C-alpha atoms as a PDB file:
ATOM      1  CA  MET A   1     -10.937  18.382   4.714  1.00  0.00           C
ATOM      2  CA  SER A   2      -9.661  20.307   1.689  1.00  0.00           C
ATOM      3  CA  LYS A   3     -10.657  19.346  -1.835  1.00  0.00           C
ATOM      4  CA  MET A   4      -8.618  16.307  -2.807  1.00  0.00           C
ATOM      5  CA  GLY A   5      -7.987  15.155  -6.362  1.00  0.00           C
ATOM      6  CA  PHE A   6      -6.686  11.759  -7.435  1.00  0.00           C
ATOM      7  CA  ILE A   7      -4.551  11.827 -10.566  1.00  0.00           C
ATOM      8  CA  GLY A   8      -5.046   8.248 -11.698  1.00  0.00           C
ATOM      9  CA  ALA A   9      -8.141   6.183 -11.021  1.00  0.00           C
ATOM     10  CA  GLY A  10      -6.942   2.618 -10.606  1.00  0.00           C
ATOM     11  CA  ARG A  11      -7.301   0.171  -7.732  1.00  0.00           C
ATOM     12  CA  MET A  12      -5.224   2.081  -5.211  1.00  0.00           C
ATOM     13  CA  ALA A  13      -7.058   5.342  -5.865  1.00  0.00           C
ATOM     14  CA  GLU A  14     -10.360   3.527  -5.487  1.00  0.00           C
ATOM     15  CA  ALA A  15      -9.225   1.865  -2.256  1.00  0.00           C
ATOM     16  CA  MET A  16      -8.208   5.185  -0.731  1.00  0.00           C
ATOM     17  CA  ILE A  17     -11.386   6.912  -1.876  1.00  0.00           C
ATOM     18  CA  MET A  18     -13.616   4.125  -0.553  1.00  0.00           C
ATOM     19  CA  GLY A  19     -11.745   4.268   2.749  1.00  0.00           C
ATOM     20  CA  LEU A  20     -12.316   8.010   3.082  1.00  0.00           C
ATOM     21  CA  LEU A  21     -16.013   7.698   2.241  1.00  0.00           C
ATOM     22  CA  SER A  22     -16.693   4.643   4.413  1.00  0.00           C
ATOM     23  CA  GLN A  23     -14.990   6.263   7.415  1.00  0.00           C
ATOM     24  CA  ASP A  24     -16.813   9.567   6.826  1.00  0.00           C
ATOM     25  CA  ALA A  25     -13.359  11.180   6.667  1.00  0.00           C
ATOM     26  CA  SER A  26     -14.414  13.135   3.584  1.00  0.00           C
ATOM     27  CA  SER A  27     -17.461  13.649   1.406  1.00  0.00           C
ATOM     28  CA  SER A  28     -17.850  12.797  -2.261  1.00  0.00           C
ATOM     29  CA  ALA A  29     -18.216  16.525  -2.940  1.00  0.00           C
ATOM     30  CA  ASN A  30     -14.662  17.117  -1.724  1.00  0.00           C
ATOM     31  CA  LEU A  31     -13.112  14.285  -3.747  1.00  0.00           C
ATOM     32  CA  GLY A  32     -12.409  14.037  -7.450  1.00  0.00           C
ATOM     33  CA  CYS A  33     -10.375  12.100  -9.984  1.00  0.00           C
ATOM     34  CA  SER A  34      -8.871  12.286 -13.444  1.00  0.00           C
ATOM     35  CA  SER A  35      -7.056   9.779 -15.640  1.00  0.00           C
ATOM     36  CA  GLY A  36      -5.128   9.693 -18.885  1.00  0.00           C
ATOM     37  CA  SER A  37      -7.916   8.643 -21.207  1.00  0.00           C
ATOM     38  CA  GLY A  38     -10.662   9.651 -18.799  1.00  0.00           C
ATOM     39  CA  ALA A  39     -12.342   6.254 -18.978  1.00  0.00           C
ATOM     40  CA  THR A  40     -11.220   4.874 -15.615  1.00  0.00           C
ATOM     41  CA  ALA A  41     -11.858   8.194 -13.886  1.00  0.00           C
ATOM     42  CA  ARG A  42     -15.360   8.415 -15.303  1.00  0.00           C
ATOM     43  CA  THR A  43     -16.080   4.868 -14.138  1.00  0.00           C
ATOM     44  CA  LEU A  44     -14.700   5.564 -10.661  1.00  0.00           C
ATOM     45  CA  SER A  45     -16.742   8.745 -10.442  1.00  0.00           C
ATOM     46  CA  GLU A  46     -19.935   6.911 -11.377  1.00  0.00           C
ATOM     47  CA  ARG A  47     -19.223   4.148  -8.873  1.00  0.00           C
ATOM     48  CA  THR A  48     -18.366   6.373  -5.909  1.00  0.00           C
ATOM     49  CA  GLY A  49     -20.173   9.634  -6.573  1.00  0.00           C
ATOM     50  CA  ILE A  50     -17.003  11.719  -6.488  1.00  0.00           C
ATOM     51  CA  ARG A  51     -16.364  14.457  -9.036  1.00  0.00           C
ATOM     52  CA  TYR A  52     -15.019  13.581 -12.466  1.00  0.00           C
ATOM     53  CA  TYR A  53     -12.470  15.954 -13.969  1.00  0.00           C
ATOM     54  CA  PRO A  54     -12.106  15.685 -17.758  1.00  0.00           C
ATOM     55  CA  THR A  55      -8.491  16.831 -17.542  1.00  0.00           C
ATOM     56  CA  THR A  56      -5.739  16.712 -14.953  1.00  0.00           C
ATOM     57  CA  LEU A  57      -5.231  20.456 -15.295  1.00  0.00           C
ATOM     58  CA  GLU A  58      -8.830  21.101 -14.248  1.00  0.00           C
ATOM     59  CA  LEU A  59      -8.364  18.857 -11.225  1.00  0.00           C
ATOM     60  CA  ALA A  60      -5.061  20.487 -10.313  1.00  0.00           C
ATOM     61  CA  ASP A  61      -6.550  23.959 -10.462  1.00  0.00           C
ATOM     62  CA  ASP A  62      -9.583  23.059  -8.343  1.00  0.00           C
ATOM     63  CA  CYS A  63      -8.026  20.812  -5.667  1.00  0.00           C
ATOM     64  CA  ASP A  64      -5.720  21.792  -2.804  1.00  0.00           C
ATOM     65  CA  VAL A  65      -4.430  18.243  -2.274  1.00  0.00           C
ATOM     66  CA  TRP A  66      -3.244  16.086  -5.176  1.00  0.00           C
ATOM     67  CA  VAL A  67      -2.823  12.334  -4.845  1.00  0.00           C
ATOM     68  CA  LEU A  68      -0.547  10.898  -7.527  1.00  0.00           C
ATOM     69  CA  ALA A  69      -2.017   7.430  -8.064  1.00  0.00           C
ATOM     70  CA  HIS A  70      -1.086   6.746 -11.681  1.00  0.00           C
ATOM     71  CA  LYS A  71       1.671   4.416 -12.926  1.00  0.00           C
ATOM     72  CA  PRO A  72       5.149   5.558 -11.828  1.00  0.00           C
ATOM     73  CA  PHE A  73       6.461   5.769 -15.393  1.00  0.00           C
ATOM     74  CA  GLN A  74       3.649   8.193 -16.263  1.00  0.00           C
ATOM     75  CA  LEU A  75       5.085  10.900 -14.012  1.00  0.00           C
ATOM     76  CA  VAL A  76       7.155  12.295 -16.886  1.00  0.00           C
ATOM     77  CA  ASP A  77       4.042  12.477 -19.063  1.00  0.00           C
ATOM     78  CA  LEU A  78       2.072  14.757 -16.737  1.00  0.00           C
ATOM     79  CA  PRO A  79       1.334  18.178 -18.244  1.00  0.00           C
ATOM     80  CA  HIS A  80       4.212  20.600 -17.718  1.00  0.00           C
ATOM     81  CA  GLU A  81       1.678  23.203 -16.566  1.00  0.00           C
ATOM     82  CA  LEU A  82       1.399  21.262 -13.303  1.00  0.00           C
ATOM     83  CA  THR A  83       4.750  22.658 -12.230  1.00  0.00           C
ATOM     84  CA  GLU A  84       3.256  26.123 -11.802  1.00  0.00           C
ATOM     85  CA  LEU A  85      -0.156  24.864 -10.712  1.00  0.00           C
ATOM     86  CA  SER A  86       1.518  22.972  -7.852  1.00  0.00           C
ATOM     87  CA  ARG A  87       2.304  26.270  -6.130  1.00  0.00           C
ATOM     88  CA  GLY A  88       1.024  26.065  -2.573  1.00  0.00           C
ATOM     89  CA  LYS A  89      -0.472  22.594  -3.037  1.00  0.00           C
ATOM     90  CA  LEU A  90      -0.018  19.518  -0.847  1.00  0.00           C
ATOM     91  CA  ILE A  91       1.024  16.546  -2.977  1.00  0.00           C
ATOM     92  CA  VAL A  92       0.800  12.897  -1.977  1.00  0.00           C
ATOM     93  CA  SER A  93       2.564  10.275  -4.082  1.00  0.00           C
ATOM     94  CA  VAL A  94       1.836   6.541  -3.912  1.00  0.00           C
ATOM     95  CA  LEU A  95       4.157   5.931  -6.863  1.00  0.00           C
ATOM     96  CA  ALA A  96       6.506   3.040  -6.132  1.00  0.00           C
ATOM     97  CA  GLY A  97      10.182   3.888  -6.416  1.00  0.00           C
ATOM     98  CA  ILE A  98       9.781   7.648  -6.947  1.00  0.00           C
ATOM     99  CA  LEU A  99      11.951   9.578  -4.498  1.00  0.00           C
ATOM    100  CA  LEU A 100      10.922  12.754  -2.731  1.00  0.00           C
ATOM    101  CA  SER A 101      13.871  14.510  -4.360  1.00  0.00           C
ATOM    102  CA  ASP A 102      12.526  13.588  -7.812  1.00  0.00           C
ATOM    103  CA  LEU A 103       9.030  14.711  -6.889  1.00  0.00           C
ATOM    104  CA  SER A 104      10.355  18.021  -5.582  1.00  0.00           C
ATOM    105  CA  LYS A 105      11.999  18.682  -8.950  1.00  0.00           C
ATOM    106  CA  LYS A 106       8.695  18.025 -10.705  1.00  0.00           C
ATOM    107  CA  PHE A 107       6.704  20.115  -8.222  1.00  0.00           C
ATOM    108  CA  PRO A 108       9.140  22.708  -6.837  1.00  0.00           C
ATOM    109  CA  HIS A 109       6.404  25.094  -5.726  1.00  0.00           C
ATOM    110  CA  ALA A 110       4.351  22.615  -3.653  1.00  0.00           C
ATOM    111  CA  ARG A 111       3.964  23.569  -0.019  1.00  0.00           C
ATOM    112  CA  ASN A 112       4.887  19.985   0.872  1.00  0.00           C
ATOM    113  CA  ILE A 113       5.180  16.542  -0.668  1.00  0.00           C
ATOM    114  CA  VAL A 114       4.398  13.182   0.895  1.00  0.00           C
ATOM    115  CA  ARG A 115       5.759   9.865  -0.306  1.00  0.00           C
ATOM    116  CA  ALA A 116       3.581   6.929   0.721  1.00  0.00           C
ATOM    117  CA  MET A 117       3.599   3.182   0.147  1.00  0.00           C
ATOM    118  CA  PRO A 118       0.257   1.441   0.794  1.00  0.00           C
ATOM    119  CA  ASN A 119      -0.527  -2.234   0.290  1.00  0.00           C
ATOM    120  CA  THR A 120      -3.527  -3.878  -1.321  1.00  0.00           C
ATOM    121  CA  PRO A 121      -5.481  -4.733   1.879  1.00  0.00           C
ATOM    122  CA  ALA A 122      -6.231  -1.004   1.857  1.00  0.00           C
ATOM    123  CA  GLN A 123      -9.045  -2.038  -0.486  1.00  0.00           C
ATOM    124  CA  ILE A 124     -10.939  -3.403   2.527  1.00  0.00           C
ATOM    125  CA  GLY A 125      -9.675  -0.939   5.131  1.00  0.00           C
ATOM    126  CA  ALA A 126      -7.043  -3.358   6.430  1.00  0.00           C
ATOM    127  CA  GLY A 127      -3.979  -1.875   4.786  1.00  0.00           C
ATOM    128  CA  LEU A 128      -0.775  -0.450   6.148  1.00  0.00           C
ATOM    129  CA  THR A 129       0.732   2.663   4.594  1.00  0.00           C
ATOM    130  CA  GLY A 130       4.214   3.896   5.362  1.00  0.00           C
ATOM    131  CA  TYR A 131       4.731   7.585   4.643  1.00  0.00           C
ATOM    132  CA  THR A 132       7.196  10.429   4.974  1.00  0.00           C
ATOM    133  CA  PHE A 133       7.145  14.189   4.344  1.00  0.00           C
ATOM    134  CA  PHE A 134       9.611  16.120   2.205  1.00  0.00           C
ATOM    135  CA  SER A 135       9.765  18.879   4.825  1.00  0.00           C
ATOM    136  CA  GLU A 136       8.383  19.482   8.303  1.00  0.00           C
ATOM    137  CA  PRO A 137       4.607  19.688   7.777  1.00  0.00           C
ATOM    138  CA  LEU A 138       2.091  22.183   9.012  1.00  0.00           C
ATOM    139  CA  ASP A 139      -0.045  20.713  11.787  1.00  0.00           C
ATOM    140  CA  SER A 140      -3.091  20.894   9.522  1.00  0.00           C
ATOM    141  CA  ASP A 141      -1.296  19.024   6.730  1.00  0.00           C
ATOM    142  CA  ALA A 142       0.000  16.356   9.104  1.00  0.00           C
ATOM    143  CA  ALA A 143      -3.528  15.801  10.408  1.00  0.00           C
ATOM    144  CA  GLN A 144      -4.976  15.669   6.906  1.00  0.00           C
ATOM    145  CA  ILE A 145      -2.430  13.094   5.726  1.00  0.00           C
ATOM    146  CA  THR A 146      -3.030  10.936   8.783  1.00  0.00           C
ATOM    147  CA  THR A 147      -6.760  11.038   8.075  1.00  0.00           C
ATOM    148  CA  LEU A 148      -6.251  10.187   4.404  1.00  0.00           C
ATOM    149  CA  LEU A 149      -3.953   7.219   4.979  1.00  0.00           C
ATOM    150  CA  ALA A 150      -5.554   5.850   8.142  1.00  0.00           C
ATOM    151  CA  ALA A 151      -8.921   5.666   6.363  1.00  0.00           C
ATOM    152  CA  SER A 152      -7.550   2.614   4.514  1.00  0.00           C
ATOM    153  CA  GLY A 153      -6.027   0.945   7.577  1.00  0.00           C
ATOM    154  CA  LYS A 154      -2.931   1.815   9.585  1.00  0.00           C
ATOM    155  CA  ALA A 155      -0.603   4.716   8.796  1.00  0.00           C
ATOM    156  CA  LEU A 156       3.039   4.541   9.874  1.00  0.00           C
ATOM    157  CA  LYS A 157       5.362   7.535   9.633  1.00  0.00           C
ATOM    158  CA  ILE A 158       8.881   6.458   8.683  1.00  0.00           C
ATOM    159  CA  GLN A 159      12.123   7.843   7.300  1.00  0.00           C
ATOM    160  CA  GLU A 160      12.473   7.767   3.523  1.00  0.00           C
ATOM    161  CA  SER A 161      15.615   5.658   3.983  1.00  0.00           C
ATOM    162  CA  ASP A 162      13.338   2.904   5.368  1.00  0.00           C
ATOM    163  CA  MET A 163      10.908   3.006   2.424  1.00  0.00           C
ATOM    164  CA  ASP A 164      12.658   0.258   0.424  1.00  0.00           C
ATOM    165  CA  ALA A 165      12.562  -2.128   3.389  1.00  0.00           C
ATOM    166  CA  LEU A 166       8.910  -1.271   4.073  1.00  0.00           C
ATOM    167  CA  THR A 167       8.117  -1.911   0.412  1.00  0.00           C
ATOM    168  CA  ALA A 168       9.772  -5.329   0.628  1.00  0.00           C
ATOM    169  CA  ILE A 169       7.998  -6.298   3.870  1.00  0.00           C
ATOM    170  CA  SER A 170       4.482  -4.858   3.672  1.00  0.00           C
ATOM    171  CA  GLY A 171       4.092  -3.536   0.148  1.00  0.00           C
ATOM    172  CA  SER A 172       5.238  -6.706  -1.578  1.00  0.00           C
ATOM    173  CA  GLY A 173       4.815  -8.860   1.508  1.00  0.00           C
ATOM    174  CA  VAL A 174       1.114  -9.469   1.037  1.00  0.00           C
ATOM    175  CA  ALA A 175       1.997 -11.349  -2.170  1.00  0.00           C
ATOM    176  CA  TYR A 176       4.310 -13.633  -0.178  1.00  0.00           C
ATOM    177  CA  ILE A 177       1.418 -14.449   2.139  1.00  0.00           C
ATOM    178  CA  PHE A 178      -0.917 -15.107  -0.787  1.00  0.00           C
ATOM    179  CA  ASP A 179       1.720 -17.332  -2.392  1.00  0.00           C
ATOM    180  CA  TRP A 180       2.155 -19.320   0.823  1.00  0.00           C
ATOM    181  CA  ALA A 181      -1.615 -19.611   1.250  1.00  0.00           C
ATOM    182  CA  GLN A 182      -2.047 -20.897  -2.308  1.00  0.00           C
ATOM    183  CA  ALA A 183       0.678 -23.492  -1.740  1.00  0.00           C
ATOM    184  CA  MET A 184      -1.015 -24.673   1.474  1.00  0.00           C
ATOM    185  CA  ILE A 185      -4.405 -24.896  -0.236  1.00  0.00           C
ATOM    186  CA  ASP A 186      -2.883 -26.955  -3.040  1.00  0.00           C
ATOM    187  CA  ALA A 187      -1.123 -29.156  -0.482  1.00  0.00           C
ATOM    188  CA  GLY A 188      -4.419 -29.768   1.311  1.00  0.00           C
ATOM    189  CA  VAL A 189      -6.062 -30.800  -1.954  1.00  0.00           C
ATOM    190  CA  ALA A 190      -3.135 -33.163  -2.587  1.00  0.00           C
ATOM    191  CA  GLN A 191      -3.921 -34.762   0.785  1.00  0.00           C
ATOM    192  CA  GLY A 192      -7.480 -35.487  -0.317  1.00  0.00           C
ATOM    193  CA  LEU A 193      -9.378 -32.409   0.889  1.00  0.00           C
ATOM    194  CA  SER A 194     -11.844 -30.674  -1.383  1.00  0.00           C
ATOM    195  CA  HIS A 195     -10.682 -27.302  -2.654  1.00  0.00           C
ATOM    196  CA  GLY A 196     -13.411 -25.545  -0.657  1.00  0.00           C
ATOM    197  CA  VAL A 197     -12.526 -27.246   2.629  1.00  0.00           C
ATOM    198  CA  SER A 198      -8.803 -26.742   2.120  1.00  0.00           C
ATOM    199  CA  THR A 199      -9.350 -23.050   1.364  1.00  0.00           C
ATOM    200  CA  GLU A 200     -11.502 -22.577   4.463  1.00  0.00           C
ATOM    201  CA  LEU A 201      -8.902 -24.286   6.644  1.00  0.00           C
ATOM    202  CA  VAL A 202      -6.042 -22.207   5.282  1.00  0.00           C
ATOM    203  CA  LEU A 203      -7.857 -18.858   5.490  1.00  0.00           C
ATOM    204  CA  SER A 204      -9.005 -19.582   9.043  1.00  0.00           C
ATOM    205  CA  THR A 205      -5.503 -20.676  10.031  1.00  0.00           C
ATOM    206  CA  PHE A 206      -3.929 -17.499   8.652  1.00  0.00           C
ATOM    207  CA  SER A 207      -6.484 -15.161  10.221  1.00  0.00           C
ATOM    208  CA  GLY A 208      -6.358 -17.020  13.539  1.00  0.00           C
ATOM    209  CA  ALA A 209      -2.571 -16.966  13.680  1.00  0.00           C
ATOM    210  CA  SER A 210      -2.529 -13.247  12.876  1.00  0.00           C
ATOM    211  CA  ALA A 211      -5.128 -12.525  15.556  1.00  0.00           C
ATOM    212  CA  LEU A 212      -3.185 -14.539  18.133  1.00  0.00           C
ATOM    213  CA  MET A 213       0.018 -12.632  17.363  1.00  0.00           C
ATOM    214  CA  GLU A 214      -1.786  -9.309  17.793  1.00  0.00           C
ATOM    215  CA  ALA A 215      -3.338 -10.532  21.054  1.00  0.00           C
ATOM    216  CA  SER A 216       0.047 -11.689  22.389  1.00  0.00           C
ATOM    217  CA  PRO A 217       2.291  -8.587  22.242  1.00  0.00           C
ATOM    218  CA  THR A 218       4.701  -9.918  24.859  1.00  0.00           C
ATOM    219  CA  GLN A 219       5.383 -13.110  22.915  1.00  0.00           C
ATOM    220  CA  SER A 220       7.403 -13.263  19.739  1.00  0.00           C
ATOM    221  CA  PRO A 221       6.093 -15.212  16.742  1.00  0.00           C
ATOM    222  CA  GLY A 222       8.917 -17.650  17.405  1.00  0.00           C
ATOM    223  CA  ALA A 223       7.649 -18.263  20.941  1.00  0.00           C
ATOM    224  CA  LEU A 224       4.098 -18.799  19.680  1.00  0.00           C
ATOM    225  CA  ARG A 225       5.465 -21.234  17.092  1.00  0.00           C
ATOM    226  CA  ASP A 226       7.333 -23.200  19.750  1.00  0.00           C
ATOM    227  CA  ALA A 227       4.146 -23.475  21.804  1.00  0.00           C
ATOM    228  CA  VAL A 228       2.588 -25.513  18.974  1.00  0.00           C
ATOM    229  CA  VAL A 229       5.480 -27.956  18.682  1.00  0.00           C
ATOM    230  CA  SER A 230       5.426 -31.302  20.496  1.00  0.00           C
ATOM    231  CA  LYS A 231       8.506 -33.506  20.413  1.00  0.00           C
ATOM    232  CA  GLY A 232       8.018 -36.185  17.814  1.00  0.00           C
ATOM    233  CA  GLY A 233       4.739 -34.636  16.657  1.00  0.00           C
ATOM    234  CA  THR A 234       3.308 -33.482  13.347  1.00  0.00           C
ATOM    235  CA  THR A 235       4.372 -29.841  13.626  1.00  0.00           C
ATOM    236  CA  GLU A 236       7.932 -30.814  14.401  1.00  0.00           C
ATOM    237  CA  ALA A 237       7.992 -33.046  11.321  1.00  0.00           C
ATOM    238  CA  ALA A 238       6.942 -30.142   9.106  1.00  0.00           C
ATOM    239  CA  LEU A 239       9.291 -27.636  10.716  1.00  0.00           C
ATOM    240  CA  LYS A 240      12.211 -30.014  10.212  1.00  0.00           C
ATOM    241  CA  VAL A 241      11.499 -29.884   6.478  1.00  0.00           C
ATOM    242  CA  PHE A 242      11.450 -26.089   6.581  1.00  0.00           C
ATOM    243  CA  ALA A 243      14.821 -26.133   8.362  1.00  0.00           C
ATOM    244  CA  GLU A 244      16.286 -28.608   5.866  1.00  0.00           C
ATOM    245  CA  GLN A 245      15.046 -26.478   2.962  1.00  0.00           C
ATOM    246  CA  LYS A 246      16.400 -23.347   4.662  1.00  0.00           C
ATOM    247  CA  THR A 247      13.012 -21.646   4.383  1.00  0.00           C
ATOM    248  CA  ALA A 248      13.896 -18.824   6.804  1.00  0.00           C
ATOM    249  CA  GLN A 249      17.023 -18.009   4.828  1.00  0.00           C
ATOM    250  CA  THR A 250      15.047 -18.106   1.578  1.00  0.00           C
ATOM    251  CA  ILE A 251      12.600 -15.562   2.999  1.00  0.00           C
ATOM    252  CA  LYS A 252      15.459 -13.250   3.996  1.00  0.00           C
ATOM    253  CA  VAL A 253      16.972 -13.516   0.520  1.00  0.00           C
ATOM    254  CA  ALA A 254      13.587 -12.850  -1.098  1.00  0.00           C
ATOM    255  CA  VAL A 255      12.989  -9.736   1.034  1.00  0.00           C
ATOM    256  CA  GLN A 256      16.489  -8.536   0.178  1.00  0.00           C
ATOM    257  CA  ALA A 257      15.743  -9.002  -3.528  1.00  0.00           C
ATOM    258  CA  ALA A 258      12.543  -6.961  -3.229  1.00  0.00           C
ATOM    259  CA  ALA A 259      14.321  -4.191  -1.313  1.00  0.00           C
ATOM    260  CA  ASN A 260      17.151  -4.129  -3.847  1.00  0.00           C
ATOM    261  CA  ARG A 261      14.644  -3.867  -6.680  1.00  0.00           C
ATOM    262  CA  SER A 262      12.913  -0.968  -4.917  1.00  0.00           C
ATOM    263  CA  ARG A 263      16.256   0.821  -4.660  1.00  0.00           C
ATOM    264  CA  ALA A 264      16.957   0.137  -8.331  1.00  0.00           C
ATOM    265  CA  LEU A 265      13.603   1.605  -9.333  1.00  0.00           C
ATOM    266  CA  SER A 266      14.378   4.691  -7.268  1.00  0.00           C
ATOM    267  CA  ARG A 267      17.614   5.075  -9.237  1.00  0.00           C
ATOM    268  CA  GLY A 268      15.695   4.815 -12.476  1.00  0.00           C
ATOM    269  CA  ASP A 269      17.103   1.424 -13.429  1.00  0.00           C
ATOM    270  CA  GLU A 270      15.034  -0.686 -15.804  1.00  0.00           C
END
């Protein structure tokens, strides 16, 4: 794999780097990072053994692949010299809401640009990253991007027009799951369970349900749900409340709100 430099050294950069190293998809010698103040990059370098670049310009000059992993609003603050240094480079952006067309204006000489949207389970190699290329990639670049993104979980090639929906479902979606899990844990405690027992029950229930869905590809989640329901039973009582509260509709509205916000960010709206 070519030398790869991460511009930004936060959680997502660390997750991707740890994925590459743990999967033996790259070596620490071929990875490096830089950051605005240098503090986070130095810390990440010490923790992972990858190279620390004191400045972004040094990283850009030395690395063939750049991963933009800083805050989206910091794109305009990158050194203007990067425009020329991007000539012939492969650039990967995990910046939420930044369109390929905007990236191509910033880096007009790059050989290709990739827009990607990972989610936080990438930190443990269980993420899902949707991605798309600016132009038809070289076979070697396509393979390298697949290796990079799959090291943190699953990689799914999509159209850029689907990126807002993917952001709303998988990018933001993990927070919906965490929110639901927290509510269930709190509900268990309200029913007299200890916090530890309630947490164990909820985590096991979520992981078990997910595993059953993956093991049952011919059955929809709705069919698996119906298999749990007995007429006049406990599950039916709970599901009736969900129906009365229009939970399914609320979820659709929430996903729509997230997708709309993603589109607004892409337009540059505050």
